[in-house]
N, C-alpha and C. Protein backbone atom coordinates (compact mmCIF):
# COMPACT_ATOMS: atom_id res chain seq x y z
N MET A 1 93.93 84.57 117.75
CA MET A 1 94.80 84.74 118.90
C MET A 1 93.99 84.46 120.14
N ASP A 2 93.82 83.21 120.43
CA ASP A 2 92.90 82.83 121.48
C ASP A 2 93.25 83.41 122.84
N ALA A 3 94.46 83.83 123.03
CA ALA A 3 94.83 84.23 124.37
C ALA A 3 95.12 85.71 124.54
N VAL A 4 95.17 86.50 123.50
CA VAL A 4 95.43 87.92 123.68
C VAL A 4 94.10 88.60 123.93
N ASN A 5 93.72 88.62 125.18
CA ASN A 5 92.43 89.19 125.50
C ASN A 5 92.40 89.92 126.82
N LYS A 6 93.47 89.87 127.56
CA LYS A 6 93.49 90.53 128.86
C LYS A 6 93.58 92.03 128.67
N GLU A 7 92.68 92.74 129.30
CA GLU A 7 92.71 94.21 129.25
C GLU A 7 93.37 94.73 130.52
N THR A 8 94.05 95.85 130.39
CA THR A 8 94.68 96.47 131.54
C THR A 8 94.09 97.85 131.72
N ASP A 9 94.41 98.47 132.84
CA ASP A 9 93.95 99.83 133.09
C ASP A 9 94.77 100.85 132.32
N VAL A 10 95.83 100.42 131.67
CA VAL A 10 96.74 101.33 130.98
C VAL A 10 96.15 101.79 129.65
N ILE A 11 95.47 100.91 128.96
CA ILE A 11 95.00 101.20 127.61
C ILE A 11 93.47 101.16 127.59
N ASP A 12 92.89 102.02 126.79
CA ASP A 12 91.44 102.07 126.63
C ASP A 12 90.92 100.71 126.17
N PRO A 13 89.87 100.18 126.79
CA PRO A 13 89.36 98.86 126.40
C PRO A 13 88.97 98.75 124.93
N ASP A 14 88.39 99.80 124.35
CA ASP A 14 88.02 99.75 122.93
C ASP A 14 89.26 99.66 122.05
N ARG A 15 90.28 100.44 122.40
CA ARG A 15 91.52 100.41 121.63
C ARG A 15 92.21 99.05 121.80
N SER A 16 92.19 98.53 123.01
CA SER A 16 92.78 97.21 123.26
C SER A 16 92.12 96.16 122.39
N GLN A 17 90.79 96.20 122.30
CA GLN A 17 90.07 95.22 121.48
C GLN A 17 90.41 95.40 120.00
N GLN A 18 90.56 96.64 119.56
CA GLN A 18 90.94 96.92 118.17
C GLN A 18 92.29 96.28 117.87
N LEU A 19 93.22 96.41 118.80
CA LEU A 19 94.56 95.83 118.61
C LEU A 19 94.52 94.31 118.65
N VAL A 20 93.75 93.75 119.57
CA VAL A 20 93.60 92.29 119.65
C VAL A 20 93.02 91.75 118.35
N ASP A 21 91.99 92.42 117.83
CA ASP A 21 91.38 91.99 116.57
C ASP A 21 92.39 92.03 115.43
N ALA A 22 93.22 93.07 115.39
CA ALA A 22 94.23 93.20 114.33
C ALA A 22 95.27 92.08 114.45
N LEU A 23 95.72 91.80 115.66
CA LEU A 23 96.68 90.72 115.87
C LEU A 23 96.08 89.37 115.46
N THR A 24 94.82 89.18 115.78
CA THR A 24 94.14 87.93 115.43
C THR A 24 94.04 87.78 113.91
N ARG A 25 93.68 88.87 113.22
CA ARG A 25 93.59 88.83 111.75
C ARG A 25 94.93 88.46 111.11
N LYS A 26 96.02 88.87 111.74
CA LYS A 26 97.36 88.59 111.21
C LYS A 26 97.88 87.20 111.62
N GLY A 27 97.09 86.48 112.39
CA GLY A 27 97.50 85.12 112.76
C GLY A 27 98.52 85.06 113.88
N VAL A 28 98.55 86.08 114.72
CA VAL A 28 99.48 86.09 115.85
C VAL A 28 98.87 85.20 116.94
N ASN A 29 99.23 83.92 116.91
CA ASN A 29 98.57 82.97 117.80
C ASN A 29 99.50 81.87 118.33
N GLN A 30 100.79 82.06 118.20
CA GLN A 30 101.74 81.07 118.67
C GLN A 30 101.96 81.20 120.18
N PRO A 31 102.33 80.10 120.84
CA PRO A 31 102.58 80.17 122.28
C PRO A 31 103.84 81.00 122.58
N CYS A 32 103.97 81.40 123.82
CA CYS A 32 105.13 82.17 124.27
C CYS A 32 106.41 81.39 123.98
N PRO A 33 107.41 82.04 123.39
CA PRO A 33 108.66 81.33 123.08
C PRO A 33 109.48 81.00 124.33
N ARG A 34 109.17 81.60 125.46
CA ARG A 34 109.94 81.35 126.68
C ARG A 34 109.33 80.27 127.56
N CYS A 35 107.99 80.32 127.76
CA CYS A 35 107.38 79.39 128.71
C CYS A 35 106.31 78.49 128.09
N GLY A 36 105.89 78.78 126.85
CA GLY A 36 104.90 77.96 126.19
C GLY A 36 103.45 78.31 126.49
N SER A 37 103.22 79.30 127.34
CA SER A 37 101.85 79.70 127.66
C SER A 37 101.15 80.28 126.43
N ARG A 38 99.84 80.15 126.39
CA ARG A 38 99.05 80.72 125.30
C ARG A 38 98.23 81.92 125.78
N LYS A 39 98.52 82.42 126.96
CA LYS A 39 97.78 83.55 127.52
C LYS A 39 98.64 84.81 127.44
N PHE A 40 98.13 85.80 126.69
CA PHE A 40 98.83 87.05 126.49
C PHE A 40 97.88 88.21 126.74
N GLY A 41 98.43 89.39 126.95
CA GLY A 41 97.62 90.58 127.09
C GLY A 41 98.25 91.76 126.40
N VAL A 42 97.39 92.62 125.84
CA VAL A 42 97.86 93.89 125.29
C VAL A 42 98.11 94.80 126.48
N VAL A 43 99.34 95.28 126.61
CA VAL A 43 99.71 96.11 127.75
C VAL A 43 99.47 97.58 127.44
N ASP A 44 99.98 98.03 126.30
CA ASP A 44 99.89 99.45 125.94
C ASP A 44 100.44 99.61 124.53
N GLU A 45 100.50 100.85 124.09
CA GLU A 45 101.18 101.19 122.85
C GLU A 45 102.41 101.99 123.21
N ALA A 46 103.44 101.88 122.38
CA ALA A 46 104.69 102.60 122.64
C ALA A 46 105.32 103.01 121.32
N ASP A 47 105.99 104.15 121.34
CA ASP A 47 106.74 104.61 120.18
C ASP A 47 108.18 104.17 120.33
N LEU A 48 108.64 103.34 119.41
CA LEU A 48 110.02 102.87 119.41
C LEU A 48 110.84 103.89 118.62
N ARG A 49 111.78 104.51 119.28
CA ARG A 49 112.61 105.54 118.64
C ARG A 49 113.77 104.88 117.92
N LEU A 50 113.94 105.23 116.65
CA LEU A 50 114.97 104.63 115.80
C LEU A 50 116.00 105.68 115.40
N GLY A 51 117.19 105.27 115.07
CA GLY A 51 118.18 106.18 114.52
C GLY A 51 119.32 106.54 115.44
N GLY A 52 119.25 106.18 116.68
CA GLY A 52 120.34 106.48 117.59
C GLY A 52 120.51 107.97 117.84
N THR A 53 121.67 108.36 118.33
CA THR A 53 121.92 109.75 118.69
C THR A 53 122.51 110.57 117.55
N GLU A 54 123.06 109.92 116.52
CA GLU A 54 123.71 110.65 115.44
C GLU A 54 122.78 110.98 114.27
N HIS A 55 121.59 110.47 114.28
CA HIS A 55 120.65 110.69 113.18
C HIS A 55 119.33 111.22 113.74
N PRO A 56 118.61 111.97 112.95
CA PRO A 56 117.28 112.38 113.41
C PRO A 56 116.47 111.13 113.73
N GLN A 57 115.77 111.18 114.81
CA GLN A 57 115.05 109.99 115.24
C GLN A 57 113.73 109.81 114.50
N ALA A 58 113.57 108.63 113.97
CA ALA A 58 112.29 108.22 113.42
C ALA A 58 111.55 107.48 114.52
N VAL A 59 110.24 107.38 114.39
CA VAL A 59 109.43 106.72 115.40
C VAL A 59 108.64 105.61 114.75
N LEU A 60 108.65 104.43 115.37
CA LEU A 60 107.87 103.30 114.92
C LEU A 60 106.80 103.02 115.97
N PRO A 61 105.53 103.32 115.66
CA PRO A 61 104.46 103.03 116.62
C PRO A 61 104.28 101.52 116.78
N THR A 62 104.19 101.05 118.02
CA THR A 62 104.05 99.63 118.29
C THR A 62 102.97 99.37 119.32
N VAL A 63 102.52 98.12 119.36
CA VAL A 63 101.66 97.64 120.44
C VAL A 63 102.50 96.67 121.26
N VAL A 64 102.41 96.81 122.58
CA VAL A 64 103.18 96.00 123.52
C VAL A 64 102.29 94.86 123.99
N VAL A 65 102.75 93.62 123.78
CA VAL A 65 102.01 92.43 124.19
C VAL A 65 102.90 91.66 125.17
N ALA A 66 102.32 91.20 126.28
CA ALA A 66 103.10 90.47 127.29
C ALA A 66 102.43 89.14 127.62
N CYS A 67 103.26 88.14 127.85
CA CYS A 67 102.79 86.83 128.30
C CYS A 67 102.26 86.98 129.72
N ASP A 68 101.06 86.46 129.96
CA ASP A 68 100.46 86.54 131.30
C ASP A 68 101.18 85.65 132.31
N ASN A 69 101.92 84.66 131.85
CA ASN A 69 102.59 83.74 132.76
C ASN A 69 103.98 84.23 133.16
N CYS A 70 104.84 84.47 132.17
CA CYS A 70 106.24 84.81 132.49
C CYS A 70 106.60 86.27 132.23
N GLY A 71 105.71 87.00 131.54
CA GLY A 71 105.97 88.41 131.29
C GLY A 71 106.80 88.70 130.05
N PHE A 72 107.11 87.69 129.27
CA PHE A 72 107.87 87.92 128.04
C PHE A 72 107.13 88.95 127.19
N VAL A 73 107.85 89.96 126.69
CA VAL A 73 107.24 91.08 125.97
C VAL A 73 107.61 91.02 124.50
N THR A 74 106.60 91.27 123.64
CA THR A 74 106.83 91.42 122.21
C THR A 74 106.25 92.74 121.75
N LEU A 75 106.84 93.29 120.70
CA LEU A 75 106.35 94.52 120.10
C LEU A 75 105.89 94.21 118.69
N HIS A 76 104.76 94.78 118.30
CA HIS A 76 104.22 94.59 116.96
C HIS A 76 103.97 95.97 116.36
N ALA A 77 104.49 96.22 115.17
CA ALA A 77 104.31 97.51 114.50
C ALA A 77 102.83 97.70 114.15
N THR A 78 102.23 98.77 114.63
CA THR A 78 100.81 99.00 114.39
C THR A 78 100.52 99.21 112.90
N GLY A 79 101.45 99.79 112.17
CA GLY A 79 101.26 99.99 110.73
C GLY A 79 101.13 98.66 110.00
N ALA A 80 101.94 97.68 110.36
CA ALA A 80 101.86 96.36 109.73
C ALA A 80 100.57 95.65 110.09
N LEU A 81 99.99 96.02 111.21
CA LEU A 81 98.72 95.43 111.63
C LEU A 81 97.53 96.11 110.98
N GLY A 82 97.79 97.24 110.31
CA GLY A 82 96.71 97.98 109.68
C GLY A 82 95.86 98.76 110.67
N VAL A 83 96.44 99.11 111.79
CA VAL A 83 95.73 99.85 112.83
C VAL A 83 96.15 101.32 112.75
N PRO A 84 95.20 102.23 112.67
CA PRO A 84 95.57 103.65 112.62
C PRO A 84 96.22 104.10 113.92
N GLU A 85 97.13 105.04 113.79
CA GLU A 85 97.78 105.60 114.98
C GLU A 85 96.79 106.42 115.78
N LEU A 86 97.00 106.47 117.07
CA LEU A 86 96.21 107.33 117.92
C LEU A 86 96.64 108.77 117.74
N GLU A 87 95.71 109.68 117.83
CA GLU A 87 96.06 111.10 117.80
C GLU A 87 96.80 111.44 119.09
N ALA A 88 97.84 112.24 118.99
CA ALA A 88 98.57 112.66 120.19
C ALA A 88 97.70 113.61 120.99
N ALA A 89 97.71 113.39 122.30
CA ALA A 89 96.95 114.28 123.19
C ALA A 89 97.64 115.64 123.25
N VAL A 90 96.84 116.68 123.19
CA VAL A 90 97.38 118.04 123.25
C VAL A 90 96.87 118.70 124.52
N ASP A 91 97.81 119.15 125.34
CA ASP A 91 97.42 119.84 126.58
C ASP A 91 97.06 121.28 126.26
N GLY A 92 96.09 121.81 126.97
CA GLY A 92 95.80 123.21 126.76
C GLY A 92 94.39 123.45 126.72
């Protein structure tokens, strides 16, 4: 993934590199489907809530990747990438 290398202040640089390495191992290297750019950045991780309002919500941990040119956003399931989940921060 020649272009997923931009680090942001949102995510820890070591974690960002871990995610970039995982995406690279999986062959995530195609240009942006909207503008054709090959420059992307890992923005953060996010929990995608599944199940709607009528069912108990399941959570799918994802990594958020954005095109540096047009901002097109993709989500990649961290489990499919073989990346361990981060421990939840506990206040106290």
